[in-house]
Amino acid sequence: MSRSLKWLSVLTTIGMLFVLIGGALVTKTESGEGCGDSWPLCHGQLIPEEITFELVIELSHRVVSGVVGILVLVLSVWAWKAIGHIRETKFLAFISFFFLVLQGLIGAAAVMWGQSDVVLALHFGISLISFASVLLLTLLIFEVDKKFDADSLVIDLKLRKHFYALTTYSLVVVYSGALVRHIGASLACPDWPVCTYNNISFPTQIHEWVQMGHRMLAGLLVIWVIWIAVLIIKHYKHQKVLFHGWLIALCLATLQVISGAVVVFTRLNLFISLAHALFIACLFGVFSYFILLSSRSKKNEIALNSDTEETINSKPSITVQ
C-alpha cells in the first residue's frame, strides 16, 4: 500500500479530530456569532477590520473545516481507487465526505439564518459520524498490509447485537450532551453525580432535567460497556483484536465519565471540556470499528457454515449390508 496514502489517511483522521474539537471550542466559548451572520466570510469581509477573540475562534474553525474537507475528499477518491475492491471502502468514502458537508451546511445555516438549540445539537453527532468513517477508512488502508488480523473473526449473534445497539445508543448520549451545551445547562446541576441545588436533589426545571438525563444516559453507557467487556473476557479473550479493542473502549468510557465529573467540579474548565469531547469522539470511533468487525463476522459465519455443509456432503456414504 502506498505510504503517501497512509500518511494522508492519518493526517485526515487527526484533522477530523481538530474539526470536532474546534466545533466544541466554538460552542464552549460562545463564538458562534464571531463572524456575524455572514458565511463563509466574516462580517462580509475576507480580512475583517476588527479582530476579536470570538472572531478568531470562529474563523479558525471555518478554515480548519475547509482544509480538512479537501483532505477528506482527496482521501475518499484515492481510497476508492486504491482499495475499492474491499467491500466497505466505497460506502465509507461516500459517507465520510457526505456527513462532513452536511455538518458544514448546518453550521452555515445556523450563522446566516439561526437554528434552534435542538437542531444545533445534531451538529456534533453528524461530525462524529464523518470522523468515524474517516477513521475506518484509515484502518482499512493499514489492514491491506496485514498489520493486524481483523478479517477472519467470528462473533456470535448476541454480541453483534450488543455492538449494533450500543453504537446507536451512544449517538443518543452524544446528542444529549450536545443539547446540554447548546441550551446552557452545563452547570444546571452544580453537584455530581446527583442534581443538588438549594438542598433539593431532584430536577425541578428543564435545564436540570436535560443535565441529569445526560448523566443517566452516560452512566448506562458505561455499565453497558463493562457488561460487554465481561462477555469478551469470558468468551473472546483469545481473539486479540476484540480483547484489546474493547479494553480501549472501556478505558475511553471511564475517562469520559471522569472528565464529565471534573467539568462540573472545575466549573467548565475549557481544557477539560475539550478533553470530554475528544474522549467521546475516540470512543465512538472504536464502537464504529466493532460494527465493521460485526458485519465481517456475519459474512465469515455464513462462509464457515457453507464450508461445513460442503465437507459433510462430500463424505462418502457407508451402506450397511
Protein backbone atom coordinates (compact mmCIF):
# COMPACT_ATOMS: atom_id res chain seq x y z
CA MET A 1 0.00 0.00 0.00
CA SER A 2 1.23 3.49 -0.88
CA ARG A 3 2.98 5.18 2.01
CA SER A 4 1.61 8.52 0.82
CA LEU A 5 -1.95 7.22 1.13
CA LYS A 6 -1.24 6.01 4.64
CA TRP A 7 0.16 9.40 5.65
CA LEU A 8 -2.83 11.15 4.09
CA SER A 9 -5.27 8.91 5.95
CA VAL A 10 -3.58 9.54 9.30
CA LEU A 11 -3.37 13.29 8.66
CA THR A 12 -7.03 13.42 7.66
CA THR A 13 -8.10 11.47 10.75
CA ILE A 14 -6.20 13.87 13.00
CA GLY A 15 -7.66 16.77 11.05
CA MET A 16 -11.19 15.46 11.67
CA LEU A 17 -10.44 15.44 15.39
CA PHE A 18 -9.44 19.10 15.13
CA VAL A 19 -12.75 19.82 13.38
CA LEU A 20 -14.65 18.12 16.20
CA ILE A 21 -12.70 19.84 18.95
CA GLY A 22 -12.92 23.16 17.08
CA GLY A 23 -16.69 22.89 16.94
CA ALA A 24 -16.80 22.16 20.67
CA LEU A 25 -14.48 25.14 21.27
CA VAL A 26 -16.80 27.43 19.32
CA THR A 27 -19.72 26.31 21.47
CA LYS A 28 -17.84 26.45 24.76
CA THR A 29 -16.54 29.98 24.13
CA GLU A 30 -19.86 31.15 22.64
CA SER A 31 -18.05 32.19 19.47
CA GLY A 32 -20.75 31.07 17.05
CA GLU A 33 -21.54 34.69 16.15
CA GLY A 34 -17.90 35.75 15.99
CA CYS A 35 -18.24 36.41 12.25
CA GLY A 36 -21.69 37.92 12.45
CA ASP A 37 -24.37 36.49 10.16
CA SER A 38 -22.17 36.10 7.07
CA TRP A 39 -20.65 32.87 5.75
CA PRO A 40 -18.05 31.86 4.63
CA LEU A 41 -16.62 35.38 5.08
CA CYS A 42 -16.50 37.21 8.41
CA HIS A 43 -18.75 40.28 8.55
CA GLY A 44 -18.79 40.15 4.75
CA GLN A 45 -15.01 40.68 4.56
CA LEU A 46 -12.12 38.41 3.68
CA ILE A 47 -9.97 40.12 6.30
CA PRO A 48 -12.18 41.74 8.96
CA GLU A 49 -11.19 45.17 10.20
CA GLU A 50 -11.99 44.48 13.85
CA ILE A 51 -10.40 41.32 15.25
CA THR A 52 -11.99 39.84 18.36
CA PHE A 53 -11.34 36.64 20.30
CA GLU A 54 -14.67 35.17 19.16
CA LEU A 55 -13.89 36.02 15.54
CA VAL A 56 -10.51 34.26 15.71
CA ILE A 57 -12.11 31.11 17.16
CA GLU A 58 -14.96 31.00 14.64
CA LEU A 59 -12.82 31.86 11.62
CA SER A 60 -10.14 29.34 12.62
CA HIS A 61 -12.78 26.64 12.87
CA ARG A 62 -14.07 27.50 9.39
CA VAL A 63 -10.57 27.45 7.88
CA VAL A 64 -9.67 24.12 9.51
CA SER A 65 -13.00 22.61 8.43
CA GLY A 66 -12.43 23.78 4.85
CA VAL A 67 -8.90 22.38 4.66
CA VAL A 68 -9.92 19.08 6.24
CA GLY A 69 -12.89 18.90 3.87
CA ILE A 70 -10.47 18.95 0.94
CA LEU A 71 -8.34 16.25 2.61
CA VAL A 72 -11.41 14.08 3.17
CA LEU A 73 -12.42 14.45 -0.49
CA VAL A 74 -8.92 13.53 -1.72
CA LEU A 75 -8.74 10.58 0.69
CA SER A 76 -12.17 9.34 -0.36
CA VAL A 77 -11.34 9.40 -4.06
CA TRP A 78 -7.86 7.92 -3.57
CA ALA A 79 -9.13 5.14 -1.28
CA TRP A 80 -11.96 4.40 -3.74
CA LYS A 81 -9.39 3.82 -6.48
CA ALA A 82 -6.72 2.08 -4.40
CA ILE A 83 -8.77 -0.28 -2.21
CA GLY A 84 -12.20 -0.09 -3.80
CA HIS A 85 -12.19 -3.89 -4.03
CA ILE A 86 -12.66 -4.04 -0.24
CA ARG A 87 -16.42 -4.05 0.23
CA GLU A 88 -16.60 -1.37 2.95
CA THR A 89 -14.41 1.18 1.17
CA LYS A 90 -16.87 2.86 -1.19
CA PHE A 91 -19.58 3.21 1.44
CA LEU A 92 -17.17 4.74 3.97
CA ALA A 93 -15.66 7.04 1.37
CA PHE A 94 -19.10 8.37 0.48
CA ILE A 95 -20.48 8.93 3.99
CA SER A 96 -17.25 10.45 5.34
CA PHE A 97 -17.46 13.29 2.83
CA PHE A 98 -21.26 13.49 2.77
CA PHE A 99 -21.62 13.96 6.54
CA LEU A 100 -18.74 16.43 6.66
CA VAL A 101 -20.51 18.56 4.06
CA LEU A 102 -23.80 18.13 5.92
CA GLN A 103 -22.39 19.38 9.21
CA GLY A 104 -20.83 22.33 7.39
CA LEU A 105 -24.18 23.24 5.86
CA ILE A 106 -25.90 23.05 9.25
CA GLY A 107 -23.22 25.35 10.68
CA ALA A 108 -23.60 27.78 7.79
CA ALA A 109 -27.40 27.79 8.14
CA ALA A 110 -27.07 28.50 11.86
CA VAL A 111 -24.84 31.51 11.13
CA MET A 112 -26.95 33.02 8.36
CA TRP A 113 -30.49 32.23 9.48
CA GLY A 114 -30.20 30.89 13.01
CA GLN A 115 -31.18 27.47 14.27
CA SER A 116 -32.85 26.14 17.38
CA ASP A 117 -30.68 24.54 20.05
CA VAL A 118 -32.36 21.20 19.31
CA VAL A 119 -31.16 21.33 15.67
CA LEU A 120 -27.71 22.67 16.54
CA ALA A 121 -27.17 19.74 18.89
CA LEU A 122 -27.18 17.50 15.80
CA HIS A 123 -24.05 19.25 14.52
CA PHE A 124 -21.59 17.40 16.75
CA GLY A 125 -23.17 14.00 16.14
CA ILE A 126 -23.02 14.43 12.37
CA SER A 127 -19.35 15.43 12.59
CA LEU A 128 -18.80 12.35 14.74
CA ILE A 129 -20.14 10.04 12.02
CA SER A 130 -17.86 11.67 9.44
CA PHE A 131 -14.85 11.28 11.77
CA ALA A 132 -15.65 7.61 12.41
CA SER A 133 -15.92 6.97 8.66
CA VAL A 134 -12.50 8.54 8.04
CA LEU A 135 -11.03 6.53 10.91
CA LEU A 136 -12.41 3.29 9.47
CA LEU A 137 -11.04 4.18 6.04
CA THR A 138 -7.64 4.66 7.66
CA LEU A 139 -7.86 1.28 9.37
CA LEU A 140 -8.83 -0.38 6.07
CA ILE A 141 -5.79 1.18 4.39
CA PHE A 142 -3.49 -0.21 7.07
CA GLU A 143 -5.24 -3.60 7.06
CA VAL A 144 -4.25 -4.17 3.44
CA ASP A 145 -0.65 -4.80 4.54
CA LYS A 146 -1.89 -7.22 7.22
CA LYS A 147 -0.52 -5.11 10.05
CA PHE A 148 -3.15 -6.80 12.21
CA ASP A 149 -5.56 -9.65 11.57
CA ALA A 150 -9.13 -8.43 11.78
CA ASP A 151 -10.65 -10.07 8.74
CA SER A 152 -11.36 -13.60 9.97
CA LEU A 153 -13.19 -13.03 13.25
CA VAL A 154 -16.39 -14.91 14.00
CA ILE A 155 -18.56 -13.10 16.58
CA ASP A 156 -21.77 -14.68 17.78
CA LEU A 157 -25.10 -13.01 17.03
CA LYS A 158 -25.73 -11.98 20.65
CA LEU A 159 -22.50 -9.99 20.88
CA ARG A 160 -23.04 -8.46 17.44
CA LYS A 161 -26.46 -7.22 18.56
CA HIS A 162 -24.78 -5.62 21.58
CA PHE A 163 -22.38 -3.76 19.30
CA TYR A 164 -25.13 -2.53 16.98
CA ALA A 165 -27.41 -1.41 19.80
CA LEU A 166 -24.65 0.20 21.87
CA THR A 167 -23.30 2.20 18.94
CA THR A 168 -26.78 3.50 18.11
CA TYR A 169 -27.40 4.28 21.78
CA SER A 170 -24.09 6.16 22.02
CA LEU A 171 -25.40 8.65 19.44
CA VAL A 172 -28.33 9.35 21.77
CA VAL A 173 -25.86 10.01 24.59
CA VAL A 174 -23.80 12.29 22.33
CA TYR A 175 -26.91 14.21 21.30
CA SER A 176 -27.98 14.69 24.92
CA GLY A 177 -24.50 16.00 25.78
CA ALA A 178 -24.55 18.41 22.84
CA LEU A 179 -28.01 19.58 23.91
CA VAL A 180 -26.67 20.27 27.41
CA ARG A 181 -24.04 22.58 25.91
CA HIS A 182 -26.30 24.34 23.45
CA ILE A 183 -29.07 25.19 25.92
CA GLY A 184 -26.55 26.33 28.54
CA ALA A 185 -27.34 23.57 31.04
CA SER A 186 -23.75 22.51 31.79
CA LEU A 187 -23.92 23.81 35.37
CA ALA A 188 -27.65 23.44 35.90
CA CYS A 189 -26.71 20.77 38.44
CA PRO A 190 -23.63 22.13 40.26
CA ASP A 191 -23.01 18.86 42.10
CA TRP A 192 -22.17 15.40 40.80
CA PRO A 193 -23.48 12.75 40.33
CA VAL A 194 -26.88 13.88 41.66
CA CYS A 195 -28.52 17.22 40.99
CA THR A 196 -28.40 19.10 44.29
CA TYR A 197 -29.49 22.71 44.15
CA ASN A 198 -30.97 24.70 47.06
CA ASN A 199 -30.95 21.48 49.11
CA ILE A 200 -33.16 19.75 46.52
CA SER A 201 -31.73 16.54 45.00
CA PHE A 202 -34.31 16.18 42.26
CA PRO A 203 -34.54 18.06 38.94
CA THR A 204 -37.09 20.86 39.13
CA GLN A 205 -36.75 22.62 35.75
CA ILE A 206 -35.91 21.81 32.13
CA HIS A 207 -32.17 22.59 32.29
CA GLU A 208 -31.74 20.29 35.28
CA TRP A 209 -33.75 17.54 33.59
CA VAL A 210 -31.58 17.77 30.46
CA GLN A 211 -28.39 17.69 32.53
CA MET A 212 -29.47 14.76 34.70
CA GLY A 213 -30.89 12.95 31.69
CA HIS A 214 -27.49 13.13 30.04
CA ARG A 215 -25.77 11.85 33.17
CA MET A 216 -28.12 8.89 33.47
CA LEU A 217 -27.73 8.03 29.78
CA ALA A 218 -23.93 8.25 30.09
CA GLY A 219 -23.98 6.09 33.23
CA LEU A 220 -25.97 3.40 31.44
CA LEU A 221 -23.49 3.57 28.56
CA VAL A 222 -20.58 2.81 30.89
CA ILE A 223 -22.45 -0.06 32.54
CA TRP A 224 -23.19 -1.49 29.10
CA VAL A 225 -19.53 -1.20 28.08
CA ILE A 226 -18.49 -3.01 31.26
CA TRP A 227 -21.01 -5.79 30.63
CA ILE A 228 -19.72 -6.32 27.10
CA ALA A 229 -16.17 -6.35 28.48
CA VAL A 230 -17.18 -9.21 30.80
CA LEU A 231 -18.62 -11.14 27.85
CA ILE A 232 -15.49 -10.61 25.75
CA ILE A 233 -13.13 -11.60 28.58
CA LYS A 234 -15.22 -14.71 29.20
CA HIS A 235 -15.63 -15.89 25.61
CA TYR A 236 -13.24 -13.99 23.32
CA LYS A 237 -10.09 -13.39 25.34
CA HIS A 238 -8.07 -15.36 22.76
CA GLN A 239 -9.12 -13.00 19.95
CA LYS A 240 -6.68 -10.14 20.43
CA VAL A 241 -8.46 -7.60 18.22
CA LEU A 242 -11.68 -7.97 20.20
CA PHE A 243 -10.00 -8.18 23.58
CA HIS A 244 -7.57 -5.28 23.26
CA GLY A 245 -10.01 -3.19 21.25
CA TRP A 246 -12.68 -3.40 23.91
CA LEU A 247 -10.18 -2.65 26.68
CA ILE A 248 -9.53 0.61 24.83
CA ALA A 249 -13.28 1.23 24.69
CA LEU A 250 -13.55 0.57 28.43
CA CYS A 251 -10.72 3.00 29.20
CA LEU A 252 -12.23 5.71 26.99
CA ALA A 253 -15.68 5.28 28.55
CA THR A 254 -14.14 5.60 32.01
CA LEU A 255 -12.21 8.72 31.01
CA GLN A 256 -15.40 10.14 29.52
CA VAL A 257 -17.27 9.83 32.82
CA ILE A 258 -14.35 11.14 34.87
CA SER A 259 -13.86 14.15 32.59
CA GLY A 260 -17.60 14.87 32.73
CA ALA A 261 -17.47 14.95 36.50
CA VAL A 262 -14.33 17.12 36.51
CA VAL A 263 -16.04 19.56 34.12
CA VAL A 264 -18.68 20.13 36.81
CA PHE A 265 -16.19 20.29 39.70
CA THR A 266 -13.96 22.81 37.86
CA ARG A 267 -16.95 24.88 36.73
CA LEU A 268 -16.48 24.28 32.99
CA ASN A 269 -12.71 24.32 32.70
CA LEU A 270 -12.15 24.77 28.96
CA PHE A 271 -9.41 22.18 28.52
CA ILE A 272 -11.30 19.53 30.50
CA SER A 273 -14.41 20.27 28.45
CA LEU A 274 -12.49 19.80 25.21
CA ALA A 275 -10.98 16.56 26.54
CA HIS A 276 -14.55 15.42 27.29
CA ALA A 277 -15.44 15.94 23.62
CA LEU A 278 -12.22 14.22 22.49
CA PHE A 279 -12.88 11.09 24.56
CA ILE A 280 -16.39 10.58 23.21
CA ALA A 281 -15.14 11.07 19.64
CA CYS A 282 -12.49 8.39 20.10
CA LEU A 283 -14.97 6.10 21.88
CA PHE A 284 -17.48 6.38 19.05
CA GLY A 285 -14.69 5.61 16.60
CA VAL A 286 -13.91 2.38 18.50
CA PHE A 287 -17.61 1.47 18.57
CA SER A 288 -17.81 2.02 14.82
CA TYR A 289 -14.86 -0.29 14.27
CA PHE A 290 -16.66 -3.04 16.16
CA ILE A 291 -19.64 -2.50 13.88
CA LEU A 292 -17.27 -3.10 10.96
CA LEU A 293 -15.96 -6.28 12.60
CA SER A 294 -19.51 -7.46 13.25
CA SER A 295 -20.52 -7.02 9.62
CA ARG A 296 -17.49 -9.04 8.56
CA SER A 297 -18.22 -11.69 11.18
CA LYS A 298 -21.66 -12.32 9.70
CA LYS A 299 -20.06 -12.90 6.31
CA ASN A 300 -17.41 -15.19 7.85
CA GLU A 301 -20.07 -17.13 9.74
CA ILE A 302 -22.05 -17.77 6.55
CA ALA A 303 -18.89 -18.87 4.75
CA LEU A 304 -17.92 -21.16 7.66
CA ASN A 305 -21.34 -22.81 7.71
CA SER A 306 -21.22 -23.25 3.94
CA ASP A 307 -17.80 -24.91 4.13
CA THR A 308 -19.02 -27.19 6.91
CA GLU A 309 -22.01 -28.31 4.87
CA GLU A 310 -19.82 -28.96 1.83
CA THR A 311 -17.46 -31.07 3.96
CA ILE A 312 -20.32 -33.15 5.33
CA ASN A 313 -21.87 -33.63 1.90
CA SER A 314 -18.55 -34.60 0.37
CA LYS A 315 -18.01 -37.51 2.79
CA PRO A 316 -18.73 -40.91 1.18
CA SER A 317 -21.80 -42.62 2.50
CA ILE A 318 -21.45 -46.07 4.09
CA THR A 319 -24.08 -48.70 3.31
CA VAL A 320 -24.58 -51.48 5.83
CA GLN A 321 -25.23 -54.82 4.11
